mmCIF file of all heavy atoms, coordinates in Angstrom:
data_MODEL
# 
_entry.id   MODEL 
# 
loop_
_atom_site.group_PDB 
_atom_site.id 
_atom_site.type_symbol 
_atom_site.label_atom_id 
_atom_site.label_alt_id 
_atom_site.label_comp_id 
_atom_site.label_asym_id 
_atom_site.label_entity_id 
_atom_site.label_seq_id 
_atom_site.pdbx_PDB_ins_code 
_atom_site.Cartn_x 
_atom_site.Cartn_y 
_atom_site.Cartn_z 
_atom_site.occupancy 
_atom_site.B_iso_or_equiv 
_atom_site.pdbx_formal_charge 
_atom_site.auth_seq_id 
_atom_site.auth_comp_id 
_atom_site.auth_asym_id 
_atom_site.auth_atom_id 
_atom_site.pdbx_PDB_model_num 
ATOM 1   N N   . ASP A 1 1  ? 0.816  -1.219  0.000   1.00 0.00 ? 1  ASP A N   1 
ATOM 2   C CA  . ASP A 1 1  ? 0.000  0.000   0.000   1.00 0.00 ? 1  ASP A CA  1 
ATOM 3   C C   . ASP A 1 1  ? 0.848  1.267   0.000   1.00 0.00 ? 1  ASP A C   1 
ATOM 4   O O   . ASP A 1 1  ? 0.444  2.285   -0.552  1.00 0.00 ? 1  ASP A O   1 
ATOM 5   C CB  . ASP A 1 1  ? -0.926 0.030   1.222   1.00 0.00 ? 1  ASP A CB  1 
ATOM 6   C CG  . ASP A 1 1  ? -2.100 -0.912  1.082   1.00 0.00 ? 1  ASP A CG  1 
ATOM 7   O OD1 . ASP A 1 1  ? -2.632 -1.026  -0.035  1.00 0.00 ? 1  ASP A OD1 1 
ATOM 8   O OD2 . ASP A 1 1  ? -2.475 -1.545  2.084   1.00 0.00 ? 1  ASP A OD2 1 
ATOM 9   N N   . ARG A 1 2  ? 2.000  1.189   0.622   1.00 0.00 ? 2  ARG A N   1 
ATOM 10  C CA  . ARG A 1 2  ? 2.861  2.373   0.707   1.00 0.00 ? 2  ARG A CA  1 
ATOM 11  C C   . ARG A 1 2  ? 3.393  2.774   -0.670  1.00 0.00 ? 2  ARG A C   1 
ATOM 12  O O   . ARG A 1 2  ? 3.413  3.942   -1.018  1.00 0.00 ? 2  ARG A O   1 
ATOM 13  C CB  . ARG A 1 2  ? 4.024  2.075   1.655   1.00 0.00 ? 2  ARG A CB  1 
ATOM 14  C CG  . ARG A 1 2  ? 4.736  3.262   2.187   1.00 0.00 ? 2  ARG A CG  1 
ATOM 15  C CD  . ARG A 1 2  ? 5.686  2.913   3.345   1.00 0.00 ? 2  ARG A CD  1 
ATOM 16  N NE  . ARG A 1 2  ? 5.810  1.495   3.637   1.00 0.00 ? 2  ARG A NE  1 
ATOM 17  C CZ  . ARG A 1 2  ? 6.912  0.772   3.418   1.00 0.00 ? 2  ARG A CZ  1 
ATOM 18  N NH1 . ARG A 1 2  ? 7.989  1.324   2.929   1.00 0.00 ? 2  ARG A NH1 1 
ATOM 19  N NH2 . ARG A 1 2  ? 6.938  -0.512  3.722   1.00 0.00 ? 2  ARG A NH2 1 
ATOM 20  N N   . ASP A 1 3  ? 3.815  1.771   -1.451  1.00 0.00 ? 3  ASP A N   1 
ATOM 21  C CA  . ASP A 1 3  ? 4.400  2.035   -2.768  1.00 0.00 ? 3  ASP A CA  1 
ATOM 22  C C   . ASP A 1 3  ? 3.422  1.814   -3.921  1.00 0.00 ? 3  ASP A C   1 
ATOM 23  O O   . ASP A 1 3  ? 3.767  2.042   -5.080  1.00 0.00 ? 3  ASP A O   1 
ATOM 24  C CB  . ASP A 1 3  ? 5.617  1.132   -2.991  1.00 0.00 ? 3  ASP A CB  1 
ATOM 25  C CG  . ASP A 1 3  ? 6.755  1.442   -2.036  1.00 0.00 ? 3  ASP A CG  1 
ATOM 26  O OD1 . ASP A 1 3  ? 6.843  2.593   -1.569  1.00 0.00 ? 3  ASP A OD1 1 
ATOM 27  O OD2 . ASP A 1 3  ? 7.546  0.525   -1.752  1.00 0.00 ? 3  ASP A OD2 1 
ATOM 28  N N   . ASN A 1 4  ? 2.227  1.308   -3.600  1.00 0.00 ? 4  ASN A N   1 
ATOM 29  C CA  . ASN A 1 4  ? 1.243  0.970   -4.638  1.00 0.00 ? 4  ASN A CA  1 
ATOM 30  C C   . ASN A 1 4  ? 1.855  0.086   -5.726  1.00 0.00 ? 4  ASN A C   1 
ATOM 31  O O   . ASN A 1 4  ? 1.770  0.378   -6.915  1.00 0.00 ? 4  ASN A O   1 
ATOM 32  C CB  . ASN A 1 4  ? 0.639  2.233   -5.251  1.00 0.00 ? 4  ASN A CB  1 
ATOM 33  C CG  . ASN A 1 4  ? -0.268 2.944   -4.281  1.00 0.00 ? 4  ASN A CG  1 
ATOM 34  O OD1 . ASN A 1 4  ? -0.964 2.309   -3.493  1.00 0.00 ? 4  ASN A OD1 1 
ATOM 35  N ND2 . ASN A 1 4  ? -0.250 4.259   -4.316  1.00 0.00 ? 4  ASN A ND2 1 
ATOM 36  N N   . THR A 1 5  ? 2.436  -1.016  -5.270  1.00 0.00 ? 5  THR A N   1 
ATOM 37  C CA  . THR A 1 5  ? 3.074  -1.932  -6.206  1.00 0.00 ? 5  THR A CA  1 
ATOM 38  C C   . THR A 1 5  ? 2.958  -3.372  -5.703  1.00 0.00 ? 5  THR A C   1 
ATOM 39  O O   . THR A 1 5  ? 2.779  -3.611  -4.515  1.00 0.00 ? 5  THR A O   1 
ATOM 40  C CB  . THR A 1 5  ? 4.563  -1.560  -6.412  1.00 0.00 ? 5  THR A CB  1 
ATOM 41  O OG1 . THR A 1 5  ? 5.098  -2.331  -7.471  1.00 0.00 ? 5  THR A OG1 1 
ATOM 42  C CG2 . THR A 1 5  ? 5.378  -1.777  -5.165  1.00 0.00 ? 5  THR A CG2 1 
ATOM 43  N N   . TRP A 1 6  ? 3.039  -4.296  -6.636  1.00 0.00 ? 6  TRP A N   1 
ATOM 44  C CA  . TRP A 1 6  ? 3.095  -5.714  -6.288  1.00 0.00 ? 6  TRP A CA  1 
ATOM 45  C C   . TRP A 1 6  ? 4.553  -6.089  -6.097  1.00 0.00 ? 6  TRP A C   1 
ATOM 46  O O   . TRP A 1 6  ? 5.408  -5.731  -6.900  1.00 0.00 ? 6  TRP A O   1 
ATOM 47  C CB  . TRP A 1 6  ? 2.479  -6.579  -7.394  1.00 0.00 ? 6  TRP A CB  1 
ATOM 48  C CG  . TRP A 1 6  ? 1.001  -6.530  -7.407  1.00 0.00 ? 6  TRP A CG  1 
ATOM 49  C CD1 . TRP A 1 6  ? 0.217  -5.786  -8.237  1.00 0.00 ? 6  TRP A CD1 1 
ATOM 50  C CD2 . TRP A 1 6  ? 0.113  -7.247  -6.550  1.00 0.00 ? 6  TRP A CD2 1 
ATOM 51  N NE1 . TRP A 1 6  ? -1.106 -5.991  -7.937  1.00 0.00 ? 6  TRP A NE1 1 
ATOM 52  C CE2 . TRP A 1 6  ? -1.201 -6.877  -6.912  1.00 0.00 ? 6  TRP A CE2 1 
ATOM 53  C CE3 . TRP A 1 6  ? 0.295  -8.145  -5.510  1.00 0.00 ? 6  TRP A CE3 1 
ATOM 54  C CZ2 . TRP A 1 6  ? -2.323 -7.399  -6.270  1.00 0.00 ? 6  TRP A CZ2 1 
ATOM 55  C CZ3 . TRP A 1 6  ? -0.815 -8.659  -4.874  1.00 0.00 ? 6  TRP A CZ3 1 
ATOM 56  C CH2 . TRP A 1 6  ? -2.110 -8.297  -5.253  1.00 0.00 ? 6  TRP A CH2 1 
ATOM 57  N N   . ASN A 1 7  ? 4.840  -6.814  -5.048  1.00 0.00 ? 7  ASN A N   1 
ATOM 58  C CA  . ASN A 1 7  ? 6.189  -7.287  -4.764  1.00 0.00 ? 7  ASN A CA  1 
ATOM 59  C C   . ASN A 1 7  ? 6.248  -8.800  -4.887  1.00 0.00 ? 7  ASN A C   1 
ATOM 60  O O   . ASN A 1 7  ? 5.244  -9.485  -4.728  1.00 0.00 ? 7  ASN A O   1 
ATOM 61  C CB  . ASN A 1 7  ? 6.603  -6.869  -3.347  1.00 0.00 ? 7  ASN A CB  1 
ATOM 62  C CG  . ASN A 1 7  ? 6.745  -5.377  -3.238  1.00 0.00 ? 7  ASN A CG  1 
ATOM 63  O OD1 . ASN A 1 7  ? 7.611  -4.786  -3.864  1.00 0.00 ? 7  ASN A OD1 1 
ATOM 64  N ND2 . ASN A 1 7  ? 5.866  -4.752  -2.468  1.00 0.00 ? 7  ASN A ND2 1 
ATOM 65  N N   . ASP A 1 8  ? 7.431  -9.300  -5.179  1.00 0.00 ? 8  ASP A N   1 
ATOM 66  C CA  . ASP A 1 8  ? 7.717  -10.732 -5.278  1.00 0.00 ? 8  ASP A CA  1 
ATOM 67  C C   . ASP A 1 8  ? 6.954  -11.426 -6.407  1.00 0.00 ? 8  ASP A C   1 
ATOM 68  O O   . ASP A 1 8  ? 6.686  -12.629 -6.340  1.00 0.00 ? 8  ASP A O   1 
ATOM 69  C CB  . ASP A 1 8  ? 7.478  -11.447 -3.946  1.00 0.00 ? 8  ASP A CB  1 
ATOM 70  C CG  . ASP A 1 8  ? 8.480  -11.037 -2.876  1.00 0.00 ? 8  ASP A CG  1 
ATOM 71  O OD1 . ASP A 1 8  ? 9.602  -10.618 -3.252  1.00 0.00 ? 8  ASP A OD1 1 
ATOM 72  O OD2 . ASP A 1 8  ? 8.152  -11.122 -1.696  1.00 0.00 ? 8  ASP A OD2 1 
ATOM 73  N N   . VAL A 1 9  ? 6.650  -10.687 -7.470  1.00 0.00 ? 9  VAL A N   1 
ATOM 74  C CA  . VAL A 1 9  ? 5.985  -11.286 -8.647  1.00 0.00 ? 9  VAL A CA  1 
ATOM 75  C C   . VAL A 1 9  ? 6.906  -12.323 -9.280  1.00 0.00 ? 9  VAL A C   1 
ATOM 76  O O   . VAL A 1 9  ? 6.471  -13.431 -9.622  1.00 0.00 ? 9  VAL A O   1 
ATOM 77  C CB  . VAL A 1 9  ? 5.577  -10.200 -9.661  1.00 0.00 ? 9  VAL A CB  1 
ATOM 78  C CG1 . VAL A 1 9  ? 5.023  -10.820 -10.935 1.00 0.00 ? 9  VAL A CG1 1 
ATOM 79  C CG2 . VAL A 1 9  ? 4.561  -9.246  -9.039  1.00 0.00 ? 9  VAL A CG2 1 
ATOM 80  N N   . ASP A 1 10 ? 8.189  -11.991 -9.424  1.00 0.00 ? 10 ASP A N   1 
ATOM 81  C CA  . ASP A 1 10 ? 9.136  -12.936 -10.021 1.00 0.00 ? 10 ASP A CA  1 
ATOM 82  C C   . ASP A 1 10 ? 9.314  -14.175 -9.158  1.00 0.00 ? 10 ASP A C   1 
ATOM 83  O O   . ASP A 1 10 ? 9.469  -15.285 -9.673  1.00 0.00 ? 10 ASP A O   1 
ATOM 84  C CB  . ASP A 1 10 ? 10.484 -12.266 -10.268 1.00 0.00 ? 10 ASP A CB  1 
ATOM 85  C CG  . ASP A 1 10 ? 10.421 -11.227 -11.373 1.00 0.00 ? 10 ASP A CG  1 
ATOM 86  O OD1 . ASP A 1 10 ? 9.533  -11.328 -12.246 1.00 0.00 ? 10 ASP A OD1 1 
ATOM 87  O OD2 . ASP A 1 10 ? 11.270 -10.315 -11.377 1.00 0.00 ? 10 ASP A OD2 1 
ATOM 88  N N   . LYS A 1 11 ? 9.282  -13.988 -7.850  1.00 0.00 ? 11 LYS A N   1 
ATOM 89  C CA  . LYS A 1 11 ? 9.391  -15.131 -6.938  1.00 0.00 ? 11 LYS A CA  1 
ATOM 90  C C   . LYS A 1 11 ? 8.186  -16.056 -7.112  1.00 0.00 ? 11 LYS A C   1 
ATOM 91  O O   . LYS A 1 11 ? 8.334  -17.283 -7.167  1.00 0.00 ? 11 LYS A O   1 
ATOM 92  C CB  . LYS A 1 11 ? 9.485  -14.637 -5.498  1.00 0.00 ? 11 LYS A CB  1 
ATOM 93  C CG  . LYS A 1 11 ? 9.673  -15.734 -4.481  1.00 0.00 ? 11 LYS A CG  1 
ATOM 94  C CD  . LYS A 1 11 ? 9.824  -15.152 -3.082  1.00 0.00 ? 11 LYS A CD  1 
ATOM 95  C CE  . LYS A 1 11 ? 9.974  -16.254 -2.052  1.00 0.00 ? 11 LYS A CE  1 
ATOM 96  N NZ  . LYS A 1 11 ? 10.069 -15.719 -0.698  1.00 0.00 ? 11 LYS A NZ  1 
ATOM 97  N N   . ALA A 1 12 ? 6.996  -15.487 -7.208  1.00 0.00 ? 12 ALA A N   1 
ATOM 98  C CA  . ALA A 1 12 ? 5.790  -16.291 -7.428  1.00 0.00 ? 12 ALA A CA  1 
ATOM 99  C C   . ALA A 1 12 ? 5.866  -17.008 -8.773  1.00 0.00 ? 12 ALA A C   1 
ATOM 100 O O   . ALA A 1 12 ? 5.480  -18.177 -8.877  1.00 0.00 ? 12 ALA A O   1 
ATOM 101 C CB  . ALA A 1 12 ? 4.545  -15.412 -7.352  1.00 0.00 ? 12 ALA A CB  1 
ATOM 102 N N   . ALA A 1 13 ? 6.369  -16.320 -9.793  1.00 0.00 ? 13 ALA A N   1 
ATOM 103 C CA  . ALA A 1 13 ? 6.502  -16.931 -11.116 1.00 0.00 ? 13 ALA A CA  1 
ATOM 104 C C   . ALA A 1 13 ? 7.461  -18.119 -11.061 1.00 0.00 ? 13 ALA A C   1 
ATOM 105 O O   . ALA A 1 13 ? 7.196  -19.173 -11.659 1.00 0.00 ? 13 ALA A O   1 
ATOM 106 C CB  . ALA A 1 13 ? 6.974  -15.894 -12.130 1.00 0.00 ? 13 ALA A CB  1 
ATOM 107 N N   . SER A 1 14 ? 8.547  -17.980 -10.334 1.00 0.00 ? 14 SER A N   1 
ATOM 108 C CA  . SER A 1 14 ? 9.508  -19.069 -10.186 1.00 0.00 ? 14 SER A CA  1 
ATOM 109 C C   . SER A 1 14 ? 8.892  -20.253 -9.443  1.00 0.00 ? 14 SER A C   1 
ATOM 110 O O   . SER A 1 14 ? 9.091  -21.416 -9.821  1.00 0.00 ? 14 SER A O   1 
ATOM 111 C CB  . SER A 1 14 ? 10.745 -18.561 -9.448  1.00 0.00 ? 14 SER A CB  1 
ATOM 112 O OG  . SER A 1 14 ? 11.673 -19.596 -9.266  1.00 0.00 ? 14 SER A OG  1 
ATOM 113 N N   . GLU A 1 15 ? 8.128  -19.965 -8.394  1.00 0.00 ? 15 GLU A N   1 
ATOM 114 C CA  . GLU A 1 15 ? 7.446  -21.032 -7.656  1.00 0.00 ? 15 GLU A CA  1 
ATOM 115 C C   . GLU A 1 15 ? 6.432  -21.747 -8.538  1.00 0.00 ? 15 GLU A C   1 
ATOM 116 O O   . GLU A 1 15 ? 6.287  -22.974 -8.464  1.00 0.00 ? 15 GLU A O   1 
ATOM 117 C CB  . GLU A 1 15 ? 6.757  -20.465 -6.417  1.00 0.00 ? 15 GLU A CB  1 
ATOM 118 C CG  . GLU A 1 15 ? 7.718  -20.044 -5.331  1.00 0.00 ? 15 GLU A CG  1 
ATOM 119 C CD  . GLU A 1 15 ? 7.018  -19.448 -4.121  1.00 0.00 ? 15 GLU A CD  1 
ATOM 120 O OE1 . GLU A 1 15 ? 5.796  -19.641 -3.944  1.00 0.00 ? 15 GLU A OE1 1 
ATOM 121 O OE2 . GLU A 1 15 ? 7.721  -18.767 -3.336  1.00 0.00 ? 15 GLU A OE2 1 
ATOM 122 N N   . LEU A 1 16 ? 5.730  -20.988 -9.379  1.00 0.00 ? 16 LEU A N   1 
ATOM 123 C CA  . LEU A 1 16 ? 4.756  -21.608 -10.284 1.00 0.00 ? 16 LEU A CA  1 
ATOM 124 C C   . LEU A 1 16 ? 5.464  -22.518 -11.278 1.00 0.00 ? 16 LEU A C   1 
ATOM 125 O O   . LEU A 1 16 ? 5.010  -23.635 -11.539 1.00 0.00 ? 16 LEU A O   1 
ATOM 126 C CB  . LEU A 1 16 ? 3.941  -20.534 -11.008 1.00 0.00 ? 16 LEU A CB  1 
ATOM 127 C CG  . LEU A 1 16 ? 2.828  -21.042 -11.908 1.00 0.00 ? 16 LEU A CG  1 
ATOM 128 C CD1 . LEU A 1 16 ? 1.791  -21.834 -11.107 1.00 0.00 ? 16 LEU A CD1 1 
ATOM 129 C CD2 . LEU A 1 16 ? 2.161  -19.885 -12.642 1.00 0.00 ? 16 LEU A CD2 1 
ATOM 130 N N   . LYS A 1 17 ? 6.573  -22.056 -11.822 1.00 0.00 ? 17 LYS A N   1 
ATOM 131 C CA  . LYS A 1 17 ? 7.344  -22.881 -12.763 1.00 0.00 ? 17 LYS A CA  1 
ATOM 132 C C   . LYS A 1 17 ? 7.788  -24.174 -12.086 1.00 0.00 ? 17 LYS A C   1 
ATOM 133 O O   . LYS A 1 17 ? 7.647  -25.266 -12.665 1.00 0.00 ? 17 LYS A O   1 
ATOM 134 C CB  . LYS A 1 17 ? 8.553  -22.110 -13.265 1.00 0.00 ? 17 LYS A CB  1 
ATOM 135 C CG  . LYS A 1 17 ? 9.409  -22.901 -14.228 1.00 0.00 ? 17 LYS A CG  1 
ATOM 136 C CD  . LYS A 1 17 ? 10.613 -22.102 -14.692 1.00 0.00 ? 17 LYS A CD  1 
ATOM 137 C CE  . LYS A 1 17 ? 11.447 -22.913 -15.662 1.00 0.00 ? 17 LYS A CE  1 
ATOM 138 N NZ  . LYS A 1 17 ? 12.636 -22.184 -16.098 1.00 0.00 ? 17 LYS A NZ  1 
ATOM 139 N N   . ASP A 1 18 ? 8.309  -24.073 -10.869 1.00 0.00 ? 18 ASP A N   1 
ATOM 140 C CA  . ASP A 1 18 ? 8.745  -25.274 -10.144 1.00 0.00 ? 18 ASP A CA  1 
ATOM 141 C C   . ASP A 1 18 ? 7.580  -26.227 -9.913  1.00 0.00 ? 18 ASP A C   1 
ATOM 142 O O   . ASP A 1 18 ? 7.722  -27.441 -10.071 1.00 0.00 ? 18 ASP A O   1 
ATOM 143 C CB  . ASP A 1 18 ? 9.369  -24.888 -8.802  1.00 0.00 ? 18 ASP A CB  1 
ATOM 144 C CG  . ASP A 1 18 ? 10.699 -24.173 -8.948  1.00 0.00 ? 18 ASP A CG  1 
ATOM 145 O OD1 . ASP A 1 18 ? 11.293 -24.190 -10.046 1.00 0.00 ? 18 ASP A OD1 1 
ATOM 146 O OD2 . ASP A 1 18 ? 11.140 -23.573 -7.943  1.00 0.00 ? 18 ASP A OD2 1 
ATOM 147 N N   . TYR A 1 19 ? 6.424  -25.669 -9.550  1.00 0.00 ? 19 TYR A N   1 
ATOM 148 C CA  . TYR A 1 19 ? 5.245  -26.509 -9.295  1.00 0.00 ? 19 TYR A CA  1 
ATOM 149 C C   . TYR A 1 19 ? 4.786  -27.220 -10.572 1.00 0.00 ? 19 TYR A C   1 
ATOM 150 O O   . TYR A 1 19 ? 4.578  -28.440 -10.566 1.00 0.00 ? 19 TYR A O   1 
ATOM 151 C CB  . TYR A 1 19 ? 4.109  -25.675 -8.719  1.00 0.00 ? 19 TYR A CB  1 
ATOM 152 C CG  . TYR A 1 19 ? 2.824  -26.447 -8.618  1.00 0.00 ? 19 TYR A CG  1 
ATOM 153 C CD1 . TYR A 1 19 ? 2.709  -27.533 -7.755  1.00 0.00 ? 19 TYR A CD1 1 
ATOM 154 C CD2 . TYR A 1 19 ? 1.728  -26.122 -9.408  1.00 0.00 ? 19 TYR A CD2 1 
ATOM 155 C CE1 . TYR A 1 19 ? 1.538  -28.262 -7.673  1.00 0.00 ? 19 TYR A CE1 1 
ATOM 156 C CE2 . TYR A 1 19 ? 0.552  -26.849 -9.330  1.00 0.00 ? 19 TYR A CE2 1 
ATOM 157 C CZ  . TYR A 1 19 ? 0.460  -27.918 -8.468  1.00 0.00 ? 19 TYR A CZ  1 
ATOM 158 O OH  . TYR A 1 19 ? -0.692 -28.650 -8.398  1.00 0.00 ? 19 TYR A OH  1 
ATOM 159 N N   . VAL A 1 20 ? 4.657  -26.473 -11.650 1.00 0.00 ? 20 VAL A N   1 
ATOM 160 C CA  . VAL A 1 20 ? 4.155  -27.076 -12.897 1.00 0.00 ? 20 VAL A CA  1 
ATOM 161 C C   . VAL A 1 20 ? 5.119  -28.157 -13.403 1.00 0.00 ? 20 VAL A C   1 
ATOM 162 O O   . VAL A 1 20 ? 4.678  -29.155 -13.971 1.00 0.00 ? 20 VAL A O   1 
ATOM 163 C CB  . VAL A 1 20 ? 3.895  -25.991 -13.962 1.00 0.00 ? 20 VAL A CB  1 
ATOM 164 C CG1 . VAL A 1 20 ? 3.586  -26.602 -15.319 1.00 0.00 ? 20 VAL A CG1 1 
ATOM 165 C CG2 . VAL A 1 20 ? 2.727  -25.101 -13.521 1.00 0.00 ? 20 VAL A CG2 1 
ATOM 166 N N   . SER A 1 21 ? 6.403  -27.997 -13.137 1.00 0.00 ? 21 SER A N   1 
ATOM 167 C CA  . SER A 1 21 ? 7.365  -29.004 -13.593 1.00 0.00 ? 21 SER A CA  1 
ATOM 168 C C   . SER A 1 21 ? 7.157  -30.346 -12.890 1.00 0.00 ? 21 SER A C   1 
ATOM 169 O O   . SER A 1 21 ? 7.628  -31.375 -13.379 1.00 0.00 ? 21 SER A O   1 
ATOM 170 C CB  . SER A 1 21 ? 8.797  -28.512 -13.404 1.00 0.00 ? 21 SER A CB  1 
ATOM 171 O OG  . SER A 1 21 ? 9.137  -28.480 -12.042 1.00 0.00 ? 21 SER A OG  1 
ATOM 172 N N   . THR A 1 22 ? 6.423  -30.359 -11.764 1.00 0.00 ? 22 THR A N   1 
ATOM 173 C CA  . THR A 1 22 ? 6.169  -31.612 -11.048 1.00 0.00 ? 22 THR A CA  1 
ATOM 174 C C   . THR A 1 22 ? 4.892  -32.304 -11.521 1.00 0.00 ? 22 THR A C   1 
ATOM 175 O O   . THR A 1 22 ? 4.627  -33.434 -11.106 1.00 0.00 ? 22 THR A O   1 
ATOM 176 C CB  . THR A 1 22 ? 6.052  -31.373 -9.526  1.00 0.00 ? 22 THR A CB  1 
ATOM 177 O OG1 . THR A 1 22 ? 4.863  -30.629 -9.238  1.00 0.00 ? 22 THR A OG1 1 
ATOM 178 C CG2 . THR A 1 22 ? 7.275  -30.656 -8.979  1.00 0.00 ? 22 THR A CG2 1 
ATOM 179 N N   . ILE A 1 23 ? 4.101  -31.647 -12.349 1.00 0.00 ? 23 ILE A N   1 
ATOM 180 C CA  . ILE A 1 23 ? 2.813  -32.205 -12.788 1.00 0.00 ? 23 ILE A CA  1 
ATOM 181 C C   . ILE A 1 23 ? 3.046  -33.214 -13.911 1.00 0.00 ? 23 ILE A C   1 
ATOM 182 O O   . ILE A 1 23 ? 3.720  -32.920 -14.893 1.00 0.00 ? 23 ILE A O   1 
ATOM 183 C CB  . ILE A 1 23 ? 1.869  -31.084 -13.280 1.00 0.00 ? 23 ILE A CB  1 
ATOM 184 C CG1 . ILE A 1 23 ? 1.570  -30.115 -12.135 1.00 0.00 ? 23 ILE A CG1 1 
ATOM 185 C CG2 . ILE A 1 23 ? 0.579  -31.676 -13.841 1.00 0.00 ? 23 ILE A CG2 1 
ATOM 186 C CD1 . ILE A 1 23 ? 0.830  -28.868 -12.574 1.00 0.00 ? 23 ILE A CD1 1 
ATOM 187 N N   . ASP A 1 24 ? 2.476  -34.377 -13.764 1.00 0.00 ? 24 ASP A N   1 
ATOM 188 C CA  . ASP A 1 24 ? 2.588  -35.429 -14.772 1.00 0.00 ? 24 ASP A CA  1 
ATOM 189 C C   . ASP A 1 24 ? 1.599  -35.152 -15.906 1.00 0.00 ? 24 ASP A C   1 
ATOM 190 O O   . ASP A 1 24 ? 0.383  -35.239 -15.699 1.00 0.00 ? 24 ASP A O   1 
ATOM 191 C CB  . ASP A 1 24 ? 2.293  -36.790 -14.142 1.00 0.00 ? 24 ASP A CB  1 
ATOM 192 C CG  . ASP A 1 24 ? 2.441  -37.958 -15.102 1.00 0.00 ? 24 ASP A CG  1 
ATOM 193 O OD1 . ASP A 1 24 ? 2.641  -37.734 -16.315 1.00 0.00 ? 24 ASP A OD1 1 
ATOM 194 O OD2 . ASP A 1 24 ? 2.367  -39.099 -14.621 1.00 0.00 ? 24 ASP A OD2 1 
# 
């Protein structure tokens, strides 16, 4: 709220990539 910005978007994207790589 202070900066009116989303933080850790790249971190979430990396976590999503790691998760999807485990899906058969």
